[in-house]
PDB file of all heavy atoms in Angstrom:
ATOM      1  N   TRP A   1     -20.161  -4.460  16.719  1.00  0.00           N
ATOM      2  CA  TRP A   1     -18.771  -4.506  16.284  1.00  0.00           C
ATOM      3  C   TRP A   1     -18.552  -3.997  14.860  1.00  0.00           C
ATOM      4  O   TRP A   1     -17.505  -3.451  14.543  1.00  0.00           O
ATOM      5  CB  TRP A   1     -18.230  -5.936  16.421  1.00  0.00           C
ATOM      6  CG  TRP A   1     -18.719  -6.878  15.338  1.00  0.00           C
ATOM      7  CD1 TRP A   1     -18.121  -7.141  14.143  1.00  0.00           C
ATOM      8  CD2 TRP A   1     -19.929  -7.639  15.355  1.00  0.00           C
ATOM      9  NE1 TRP A   1     -18.872  -8.024  13.415  1.00  0.00           N
ATOM     10  CE2 TRP A   1     -19.982  -8.357  14.134  1.00  0.00           C
ATOM     11  CE3 TRP A   1     -20.964  -7.814  16.281  1.00  0.00           C
ATOM     12  CZ2 TRP A   1     -21.035  -9.212  13.815  1.00  0.00           C
ATOM     13  CZ3 TRP A   1     -22.002  -8.660  15.971  1.00  0.00           C
ATOM     14  CH2 TRP A   1     -22.033  -9.342  14.747  1.00  0.00           C
ATOM     15  N   ASN A   2     -19.547  -4.135  13.972  1.00  0.00           N
ATOM     16  CA  ASN A   2     -19.336  -3.764  12.578  1.00  0.00           C
ATOM     17  C   ASN A   2     -20.070  -2.481  12.172  1.00  0.00           C
ATOM     18  O   ASN A   2     -20.213  -2.195  10.992  1.00  0.00           O
ATOM     19  CB  ASN A   2     -19.729  -4.913  11.644  1.00  0.00           C
ATOM     20  CG  ASN A   2     -21.189  -5.313  11.786  1.00  0.00           C
ATOM     21  OD1 ASN A   2     -21.895  -4.858  12.690  1.00  0.00           O
ATOM     22  ND2 ASN A   2     -21.642  -6.182  10.891  1.00  0.00           N
ATOM     23  N   PHE A   3     -20.513  -1.710  13.157  1.00  0.00           N
ATOM     24  CA  PHE A   3     -21.162  -0.444  12.845  1.00  0.00           C
ATOM     25  C   PHE A   3     -20.114   0.587  12.437  1.00  0.00           C
ATOM     26  O   PHE A   3     -19.071   0.714  13.081  1.00  0.00           O
ATOM     27  CB  PHE A   3     -21.954   0.073  14.057  1.00  0.00           C
ATOM     28  CG  PHE A   3     -22.715   1.344  13.780  1.00  0.00           C
ATOM     29  CD1 PHE A   3     -23.924   1.304  13.105  1.00  0.00           C
ATOM     30  CD2 PHE A   3     -22.238   2.583  14.201  1.00  0.00           C
ATOM     31  CE1 PHE A   3     -24.635   2.461  12.850  1.00  0.00           C
ATOM     32  CE2 PHE A   3     -22.934   3.755  13.939  1.00  0.00           C
ATOM     33  CZ  PHE A   3     -24.141   3.691  13.262  1.00  0.00           C
ATOM     34  N   LEU A   4     -20.355   1.314  11.346  1.00  0.00           N
ATOM     35  CA  LEU A   4     -19.427   2.333  10.851  1.00  0.00           C
ATOM     36  C   LEU A   4     -19.694   3.644  11.575  1.00  0.00           C
ATOM     37  O   LEU A   4     -20.760   4.237  11.426  1.00  0.00           O
ATOM     38  CB  LEU A   4     -19.576   2.516   9.340  1.00  0.00           C
ATOM     39  CG  LEU A   4     -19.344   1.257   8.497  1.00  0.00           C
ATOM     40  CD1 LEU A   4     -19.590   1.545   7.027  1.00  0.00           C
ATOM     41  CD2 LEU A   4     -17.933   0.728   8.708  1.00  0.00           C
ATOM     42  N   ASN A   5     -18.716   4.104  12.336  1.00  0.00           N
ATOM     43  CA  ASN A   5     -18.930   5.188  13.286  1.00  0.00           C
ATOM     44  C   ASN A   5     -18.692   6.573  12.661  1.00  0.00           C
ATOM     45  O   ASN A   5     -17.759   7.284  13.032  1.00  0.00           O
ATOM     46  CB  ASN A   5     -18.021   4.994  14.501  1.00  0.00           C
ATOM     47  CG  ASN A   5     -18.583   5.662  15.740  1.00  0.00           C
ATOM     48  OD1 ASN A   5     -19.716   6.130  15.759  1.00  0.00           O
ATOM     49  ND2 ASN A   5     -17.783   5.697  16.789  1.00  0.00           N
ATOM     50  N   PHE A   6     -19.536   6.967  11.724  1.00  0.00           N
ATOM     51  CA  PHE A   6     -19.468   8.297  11.147  1.00  0.00           C
ATOM     52  C   PHE A   6     -20.323   9.268  11.952  1.00  0.00           C
ATOM     53  O   PHE A   6     -21.230   8.855  12.687  1.00  0.00           O
ATOM     54  CB  PHE A   6     -19.929   8.282   9.685  1.00  0.00           C
ATOM     55  CG  PHE A   6     -18.943   7.612   8.759  1.00  0.00           C
ATOM     56  CD1 PHE A   6     -19.015   6.252   8.518  1.00  0.00           C
ATOM     57  CD2 PHE A   6     -17.950   8.352   8.142  1.00  0.00           C
ATOM     58  CE1 PHE A   6     -18.097   5.635   7.677  1.00  0.00           C
ATOM     59  CE2 PHE A   6     -17.038   7.740   7.298  1.00  0.00           C
ATOM     60  CZ  PHE A   6     -17.111   6.383   7.066  1.00  0.00           C
ATOM     61  N   ARG A   7     -20.040  10.552  11.813  1.00  0.00           N
ATOM     62  CA  ARG A   7     -20.737  11.602  12.531  1.00  0.00           C
ATOM     63  C   ARG A   7     -21.321  12.630  11.553  1.00  0.00           C
ATOM     64  O   ARG A   7     -20.765  12.847  10.486  1.00  0.00           O
ATOM     65  CB  ARG A   7     -19.793  12.311  13.509  1.00  0.00           C
ATOM     66  CG  ARG A   7     -19.414  11.458  14.737  1.00  0.00           C
ATOM     67  CD  ARG A   7     -20.591  11.301  15.650  1.00  0.00           C
ATOM     68  NE  ARG A   7     -20.313  10.618  16.904  1.00  0.00           N
ATOM     69  CZ  ARG A   7     -20.444   9.334  17.094  1.00  0.00           C
ATOM     70  NH1 ARG A   7     -20.818   8.555  16.069  1.00  0.00           N
ATOM     71  NH2 ARG A   7     -20.202   8.795  18.269  1.00  0.00           N
ATOM     72  N   PRO A   8     -22.438  13.281  11.915  1.00  0.00           N
ATOM     73  CA  PRO A   8     -22.990  14.312  11.042  1.00  0.00           C
ATOM     74  C   PRO A   8     -22.113  15.553  11.039  1.00  0.00           C
ATOM     75  O   PRO A   8     -21.342  15.782  11.973  1.00  0.00           O
ATOM     76  CB  PRO A   8     -24.354  14.605  11.670  1.00  0.00           C
ATOM     77  CG  PRO A   8     -24.178  14.284  13.126  1.00  0.00           C
ATOM     78  CD  PRO A   8     -23.222  13.129  13.173  1.00  0.00           C
ATOM     79  N   GLY A   9     -22.217  16.362   9.991  1.00  0.00           N
ATOM     80  CA  GLY A   9     -21.442  17.597   9.961  1.00  0.00           C
ATOM     81  C   GLY A   9     -21.357  18.214   8.586  1.00  0.00           C
ATOM     82  O   GLY A   9     -21.944  17.730   7.614  1.00  0.00           O
ATOM     83  N   LEU A  10     -20.635  19.313   8.521  1.00  0.00           N
ATOM     84  CA  LEU A  10     -20.360  19.988   7.255  1.00  0.00           C
ATOM     85  C   LEU A  10     -19.236  19.243   6.546  1.00  0.00           C
ATOM     86  O   LEU A  10     -18.232  18.896   7.170  1.00  0.00           O
ATOM     87  CB  LEU A  10     -19.948  21.444   7.506  1.00  0.00           C
ATOM     88  CG  LEU A  10     -20.925  22.305   8.316  1.00  0.00           C
ATOM     89  CD1 LEU A  10     -20.304  23.673   8.584  1.00  0.00           C
ATOM     90  CD2 LEU A  10     -22.247  22.462   7.583  1.00  0.00           C
ATOM     91  N   VAL A  11     -19.395  19.013   5.274  1.00  0.00           N
ATOM     92  CA  VAL A  11     -18.397  18.263   4.513  1.00  0.00           C
ATOM     93  C   VAL A  11     -17.677  19.201   3.556  1.00  0.00           C
ATOM     94  O   VAL A  11     -18.175  19.539   2.486  1.00  0.00           O
ATOM     95  CB  VAL A  11     -19.037  17.096   3.741  1.00  0.00           C
ATOM     96  CG1 VAL A  11     -17.964  16.305   3.009  1.00  0.00           C
ATOM     97  CG2 VAL A  11     -19.816  16.193   4.691  1.00  0.00           C
ATOM     98  N   GLY A  12     -16.503  19.660   3.972  1.00  0.00           N
ATOM     99  CA  GLY A  12     -15.707  20.548   3.138  1.00  0.00           C
ATOM    100  C   GLY A  12     -14.316  20.007   2.954  1.00  0.00           C
ATOM    101  O   GLY A  12     -14.083  18.800   2.984  1.00  0.00           O
ATOM    102  N   GLY A  13     -13.361  20.902   2.760  1.00  0.00           N
ATOM    103  CA  GLY A  13     -11.984  20.490   2.573  1.00  0.00           C
ATOM    104  C   GLY A  13     -11.647  20.204   1.131  1.00  0.00           C
ATOM    105  O   GLY A  13     -12.476  20.277   0.233  1.00  0.00           O
ATOM    106  N   HIS A  14     -10.397  19.831   0.932  1.00  0.00           N
ATOM    107  CA  HIS A  14      -9.870  19.661  -0.417  1.00  0.00           C
ATOM    108  C   HIS A  14     -10.178  18.296  -1.020  1.00  0.00           C
ATOM    109  O   HIS A  14      -9.912  18.074  -2.194  1.00  0.00           O
ATOM    110  CB  HIS A  14      -8.356  19.860  -0.395  1.00  0.00           C
ATOM    111  CG  HIS A  14      -7.620  18.815   0.379  1.00  0.00           C
ATOM    112  ND1 HIS A  14      -7.832  18.605   1.719  1.00  0.00           N
ATOM    113  CD2 HIS A  14      -6.694  17.900   0.002  1.00  0.00           C
ATOM    114  CE1 HIS A  14      -7.054  17.611   2.127  1.00  0.00           C
ATOM    115  NE2 HIS A  14      -6.370  17.172   1.119  1.00  0.00           N
ATOM    116  N   CYS A  15     -10.725  17.361  -0.236  1.00  0.00           N
ATOM    117  CA  CYS A  15     -10.897  15.996  -0.735  1.00  0.00           C
ATOM    118  C   CYS A  15     -12.352  15.507  -0.737  1.00  0.00           C
ATOM    119  O   CYS A  15     -12.923  15.284  -1.793  1.00  0.00           O
ATOM    120  CB  CYS A  15     -10.047  15.020   0.074  1.00  0.00           C
ATOM    121  SG  CYS A  15      -8.291  15.115  -0.304  1.00  0.00           S
ATOM    122  N   ILE A  16     -12.929  15.320   0.470  1.00  0.00           N
ATOM    123  CA  ILE A  16     -14.219  14.632   0.565  1.00  0.00           C
ATOM    124  C   ILE A  16     -15.318  15.349  -0.202  1.00  0.00           C
ATOM    125  O   ILE A  16     -16.137  14.727  -0.869  1.00  0.00           O
ATOM    126  CB  ILE A  16     -14.636  14.435   2.043  1.00  0.00           C
ATOM    127  CG1 ILE A  16     -13.579  13.620   2.783  1.00  0.00           C
ATOM    128  CG2 ILE A  16     -15.990  13.723   2.124  1.00  0.00           C
ATOM    129  CD1 ILE A  16     -13.890  13.396   4.250  1.00  0.00           C
ATOM    130  N   GLY A  17     -15.337  16.678  -0.138  1.00  0.00           N
ATOM    131  CA  GLY A  17     -16.373  17.438  -0.823  1.00  0.00           C
ATOM    132  C   GLY A  17     -16.100  17.689  -2.294  1.00  0.00           C
ATOM    133  O   GLY A  17     -16.927  18.290  -2.987  1.00  0.00           O
ATOM    134  N   VAL A  18     -14.932  17.235  -2.772  1.00  0.00           N
ATOM    135  CA  VAL A  18     -14.507  17.515  -4.145  1.00  0.00           C
ATOM    136  C   VAL A  18     -14.333  16.241  -4.971  1.00  0.00           C
ATOM    137  O   VAL A  18     -14.826  16.140  -6.101  1.00  0.00           O
ATOM    138  CB  VAL A  18     -13.182  18.320  -4.141  1.00  0.00           C
ATOM    139  CG1 VAL A  18     -12.653  18.500  -5.563  1.00  0.00           C
ATOM    140  CG2 VAL A  18     -13.389  19.678  -3.467  1.00  0.00           C
ATOM    141  N   ASP A  19     -13.612  15.266  -4.430  1.00  0.00           N
ATOM    142  CA  ASP A  19     -13.239  14.069  -5.181  1.00  0.00           C
ATOM    143  C   ASP A  19     -14.413  13.359  -5.854  1.00  0.00           C
ATOM    144  O   ASP A  19     -14.285  12.895  -6.995  1.00  0.00           O
ATOM    145  CB  ASP A  19     -12.491  13.088  -4.279  1.00  0.00           C
ATOM    146  CG  ASP A  19     -11.132  13.612  -3.848  1.00  0.00           C
ATOM    147  OD1 ASP A  19     -10.790  14.760  -4.221  1.00  0.00           O
ATOM    148  OD2 ASP A  19     -10.408  12.896  -3.121  1.00  0.00           O
ATOM    149  N   PRO A  20     -15.576  13.219  -5.179  1.00  0.00           N
ATOM    150  CA  PRO A  20     -16.684  12.515  -5.841  1.00  0.00           C
ATOM    151  C   PRO A  20     -17.086  13.121  -7.184  1.00  0.00           C
ATOM    152  O   PRO A  20     -17.517  12.401  -8.091  1.00  0.00           O
ATOM    153  CB  PRO A  20     -17.828  12.620  -4.826  1.00  0.00           C
ATOM    154  CG  PRO A  20     -17.141  12.754  -3.501  1.00  0.00           C
ATOM    155  CD  PRO A  20     -15.927  13.573  -3.781  1.00  0.00           C
ATOM    156  N   TYR A  21     -16.939  14.438  -7.330  1.00  0.00           N
ATOM    157  CA  TYR A  21     -17.322  15.093  -8.583  1.00  0.00           C
ATOM    158  C   TYR A  21     -16.403  14.704  -9.734  1.00  0.00           C
ATOM    159  O   TYR A  21     -16.799  14.742 -10.894  1.00  0.00           O
ATOM    160  CB  TYR A  21     -17.351  16.609  -8.424  1.00  0.00           C
ATOM    161  CG  TYR A  21     -18.522  17.112  -7.611  1.00  0.00           C
ATOM    162  CD1 TYR A  21     -18.329  17.886  -6.470  1.00  0.00           C
ATOM    163  CD2 TYR A  21     -19.823  16.814  -7.986  1.00  0.00           C
ATOM    164  CE1 TYR A  21     -19.406  18.348  -5.730  1.00  0.00           C
ATOM    165  CE2 TYR A  21     -20.917  17.273  -7.247  1.00  0.00           C
ATOM    166  CZ  TYR A  21     -20.689  18.037  -6.128  1.00  0.00           C
ATOM    167  OH  TYR A  21     -21.769  18.494  -5.400  1.00  0.00           O
ATOM    168  N   TYR A  22     -15.150  14.334  -9.425  1.00  0.00           N
ATOM    169  CA  TYR A  22     -14.255  13.857 -10.474  1.00  0.00           C
ATOM    170  C   TYR A  22     -14.726  12.502 -11.000  1.00  0.00           C
ATOM    171  O   TYR A  22     -14.674  12.235 -12.201  1.00  0.00           O
ATOM    172  CB  TYR A  22     -12.816  13.769  -9.946  1.00  0.00           C
ATOM    173  CG  TYR A  22     -12.099  15.108 -10.030  1.00  0.00           C
ATOM    174  CD1 TYR A  22     -12.377  16.118  -9.123  1.00  0.00           C
ATOM    175  CD2 TYR A  22     -11.170  15.364 -11.031  1.00  0.00           C
ATOM    176  CE1 TYR A  22     -11.761  17.357  -9.214  1.00  0.00           C
ATOM    177  CE2 TYR A  22     -10.542  16.600 -11.124  1.00  0.00           C
ATOM    178  CZ  TYR A  22     -10.839  17.584 -10.216  1.00  0.00           C
ATOM    179  OH  TYR A  22     -10.220  18.804 -10.318  1.00  0.00           O
ATOM    180  N   LEU A  23     -15.207  11.655 -10.097  1.00  0.00           N
ATOM    181  CA  LEU A  23     -15.715  10.348 -10.508  1.00  0.00           C
ATOM    182  C   LEU A  23     -17.034  10.476 -11.261  1.00  0.00           C
ATOM    183  O   LEU A  23     -17.229   9.838 -12.310  1.00  0.00           O
ATOM    184  CB  LEU A  23     -15.876   9.446  -9.281  1.00  0.00           C
ATOM    185  CG  LEU A  23     -16.342   8.012  -9.554  1.00  0.00           C
ATOM    186  CD1 LEU A  23     -15.388   7.297 -10.505  1.00  0.00           C
ATOM    187  CD2 LEU A  23     -16.454   7.241  -8.233  1.00  0.00           C
ATOM    188  N   THR A  24     -17.945  11.317 -10.754  1.00  0.00           N
ATOM    189  CA  THR A  24     -19.246  11.466 -11.429  1.00  0.00           C
ATOM    190  C   THR A  24     -19.081  12.111 -12.799  1.00  0.00           C
ATOM    191  O   THR A  24     -19.817  11.799 -13.730  1.00  0.00           O
ATOM    192  CB  THR A  24     -20.224  12.295 -10.571  1.00  0.00           C
ATOM    193  OG1 THR A  24     -19.682  13.604 -10.302  1.00  0.00           O
ATOM    194  CG2 THR A  24     -20.505  11.576  -9.256  1.00  0.00           C
ATOM    195  N   HIS A  25     -18.121  13.025 -12.935  1.00  0.00           N
ATOM    196  CA  HIS A  25     -17.834  13.636 -14.234  1.00  0.00           C
ATOM    197  C   HIS A  25     -17.464  12.574 -15.260  1.00  0.00           C
ATOM    198  O   HIS A  25     -17.997  12.560 -16.378  1.00  0.00           O
ATOM    199  CB  HIS A  25     -16.691  14.649 -14.086  1.00  0.00           C
ATOM    200  CG  HIS A  25     -16.055  15.060 -15.377  1.00  0.00           C
ATOM    201  ND1 HIS A  25     -16.626  15.973 -16.235  1.00  0.00           N
ATOM    202  CD2 HIS A  25     -14.882  14.653 -15.982  1.00  0.00           C
ATOM    203  CE1 HIS A  25     -15.852  16.121 -17.297  1.00  0.00           C
ATOM    204  NE2 HIS A  25     -14.786  15.344 -17.155  1.00  0.00           N
ATOM    205  N   LYS A  26     -16.569  11.683 -14.890  1.00  0.00           N
ATOM    206  CA  LYS A  26     -16.131  10.639 -15.813  1.00  0.00           C
ATOM    207  C   LYS A  26     -17.251   9.638 -16.074  1.00  0.00           C
ATOM    208  O   LYS A  26     -17.421   9.171 -17.208  1.00  0.00           O
ATOM    209  CB  LYS A  26     -14.902   9.922 -15.256  1.00  0.00           C
ATOM    210  CG  LYS A  26     -14.228   8.980 -16.245  1.00  0.00           C
ATOM    211  CD  LYS A  26     -13.716   9.730 -17.466  1.00  0.00           C
ATOM    212  CE  LYS A  26     -13.052   8.796 -18.465  1.00  0.00           C
ATOM    213  NZ  LYS A  26     -12.580   9.535 -19.671  1.00  0.00           N
ATOM    214  N   ALA A  27     -18.016   9.319 -15.022  1.00  0.00           N
ATOM    215  CA  ALA A  27     -19.134   8.383 -15.192  1.00  0.00           C
ATOM    216  C   ALA A  27     -20.142   8.919 -16.203  1.00  0.00           C
ATOM    217  O   ALA A  27     -20.613   8.190 -17.093  1.00  0.00           O
ATOM    218  CB  ALA A  27     -19.814   8.144 -13.848  1.00  0.00           C
ATOM    219  N   GLU A  28     -20.484  10.206 -16.083  1.00  0.00           N
ATOM    220  CA  GLU A  28     -21.441  10.816 -17.015  1.00  0.00           C
ATOM    221  C   GLU A  28     -20.866  10.912 -18.417  1.00  0.00           C
ATOM    222  O   GLU A  28     -21.588  10.797 -19.408  1.00  0.00           O
ATOM    223  CB  GLU A  28     -21.851  12.200 -16.507  1.00  0.00           C
ATOM    224  CG  GLU A  28     -22.734  12.126 -15.254  1.00  0.00           C
ATOM    225  CD  GLU A  28     -23.056  13.471 -14.670  1.00  0.00           C
ATOM    226  OE1 GLU A  28     -22.234  14.410 -14.851  1.00  0.00           O
ATOM    227  OE2 GLU A  28     -24.117  13.610 -14.004  1.00  0.00           O
ATOM    228  N   GLU A  29     -19.566  11.083 -18.507  1.00  0.00           N
ATOM    229  CA  GLU A  29     -18.889  11.152 -19.808  1.00  0.00           C
ATOM    230  C   GLU A  29     -19.018   9.835 -20.569  1.00  0.00           C
ATOM    231  O   GLU A  29     -19.095   9.830 -21.808  1.00  0.00           O
ATOM    232  CB  GLU A  29     -17.413  11.505 -19.605  1.00  0.00           C
ATOM    233  CG  GLU A  29     -16.683  11.962 -20.849  1.00  0.00           C
ATOM    234  CD  GLU A  29     -15.262  12.387 -20.564  1.00  0.00           C
ATOM    235  OE1 GLU A  29     -14.403  11.514 -20.383  1.00  0.00           O
ATOM    236  OE2 GLU A  29     -15.009  13.595 -20.518  1.00  0.00           O
ATOM    237  N   VAL A  30     -19.043   8.720 -19.846  1.00  0.00           N
ATOM    238  CA  VAL A  30     -19.174   7.410 -20.497  1.00  0.00           C
ATOM    239  C   VAL A  30     -20.617   6.913 -20.498  1.00  0.00           C
ATOM    240  O   VAL A  30     -20.887   5.750 -20.792  1.00  0.00           O
ATOM    241  CB  VAL A  30     -18.234   6.361 -19.850  1.00  0.00           C
ATOM    242  CG1 VAL A  30     -16.772   6.770 -20.050  1.00  0.00           C
ATOM    243  CG2 VAL A  30     -18.542   6.161 -18.365  1.00  0.00           C
ATOM    244  N   GLY A  31     -21.559   7.790 -20.129  1.00  0.00           N
ATOM    245  CA  GLY A  31     -22.971   7.469 -20.276  1.00  0.00           C
ATOM    246  C   GLY A  31     -23.669   6.884 -19.077  1.00  0.00           C
ATOM    247  O   GLY A  31     -24.755   6.310 -19.207  1.00  0.00           O
ATOM    248  N   TYR A  32     -23.080   7.012 -17.877  1.00  0.00           N
ATOM    249  CA  TYR A  32     -23.725   6.490 -16.678  1.00  0.00           C
ATOM    250  C   TYR A  32     -24.036   7.622 -15.710  1.00  0.00           C
ATOM    251  O   TYR A  32     -23.165   8.439 -15.399  1.00  0.00           O
ATOM    252  CB  TYR A  32     -22.837   5.457 -15.982  1.00  0.00           C
ATOM    253  CG  TYR A  32     -23.508   4.866 -14.752  1.00  0.00           C
ATOM    254  CD1 TYR A  32     -24.437   3.838 -14.885  1.00  0.00           C
ATOM    255  CD2 TYR A  32     -23.234   5.349 -13.477  1.00  0.00           C
ATOM    256  CE1 TYR A  32     -25.079   3.311 -13.774  1.00  0.00           C
ATOM    257  CE2 TYR A  32     -23.870   4.838 -12.368  1.00  0.00           C
ATOM    258  CZ  TYR A  32     -24.791   3.818 -12.519  1.00  0.00           C
ATOM    259  OH  TYR A  32     -25.432   3.308 -11.415  1.00  0.00           O
ATOM    260  N   ARG A  33     -25.247   7.664 -15.235  1.00  0.00           N
ATOM    261  CA  ARG A  33     -25.686   8.663 -14.267  1.00  0.00           C
ATOM    262  C   ARG A  33     -25.559   8.091 -12.858  1.00  0.00           C
ATOM    263  O   ARG A  33     -26.343   7.234 -12.442  1.00  0.00           O
ATOM    264  CB  ARG A  33     -27.143   9.061 -14.544  1.00  0.00           C
ATOM    265  CG  ARG A  33     -27.755  10.004 -13.513  1.00  0.00           C
ATOM    266  CD  ARG A  33     -27.283  11.416 -13.651  1.00  0.00           C
ATOM    267  NE  ARG A  33     -27.986  12.311 -12.705  1.00  0.00           N
ATOM    268  CZ  ARG A  33     -27.662  13.578 -12.528  1.00  0.00           C
ATOM    269  NH1 ARG A  33     -26.672  14.131 -13.231  1.00  0.00           N
ATOM    270  NH2 ARG A  33     -28.339  14.329 -11.664  1.00  0.00           N
ATOM    271  N   PRO A  34     -24.577   8.557 -12.054  1.00  0.00           N
ATOM    272  CA  PRO A  34     -24.351   7.984 -10.725  1.00  0.00           C
ATOM    273  C   PRO A  34     -25.311   8.578  -9.684  1.00  0.00           C
ATOM    274  O   PRO A  34     -25.018   9.602  -9.078  1.00  0.00           O
ATOM    275  CB  PRO A  34     -22.902   8.377 -10.432  1.00  0.00           C
ATOM    276  CG  PRO A  34     -22.690   9.636 -11.234  1.00  0.00           C
ATOM    277  CD  PRO A  34     -23.589   9.568 -12.427  1.00  0.00           C
TER     278      PRO A  34
END
């Protein structure tokens, strides 16, 4: 019942393949390596 049903594949588009880099950029700016 609690298994997360994701599938393998290419990760593109305007959000999923991009948004994490905005967070990691800020994290590294404040001294944390994500």
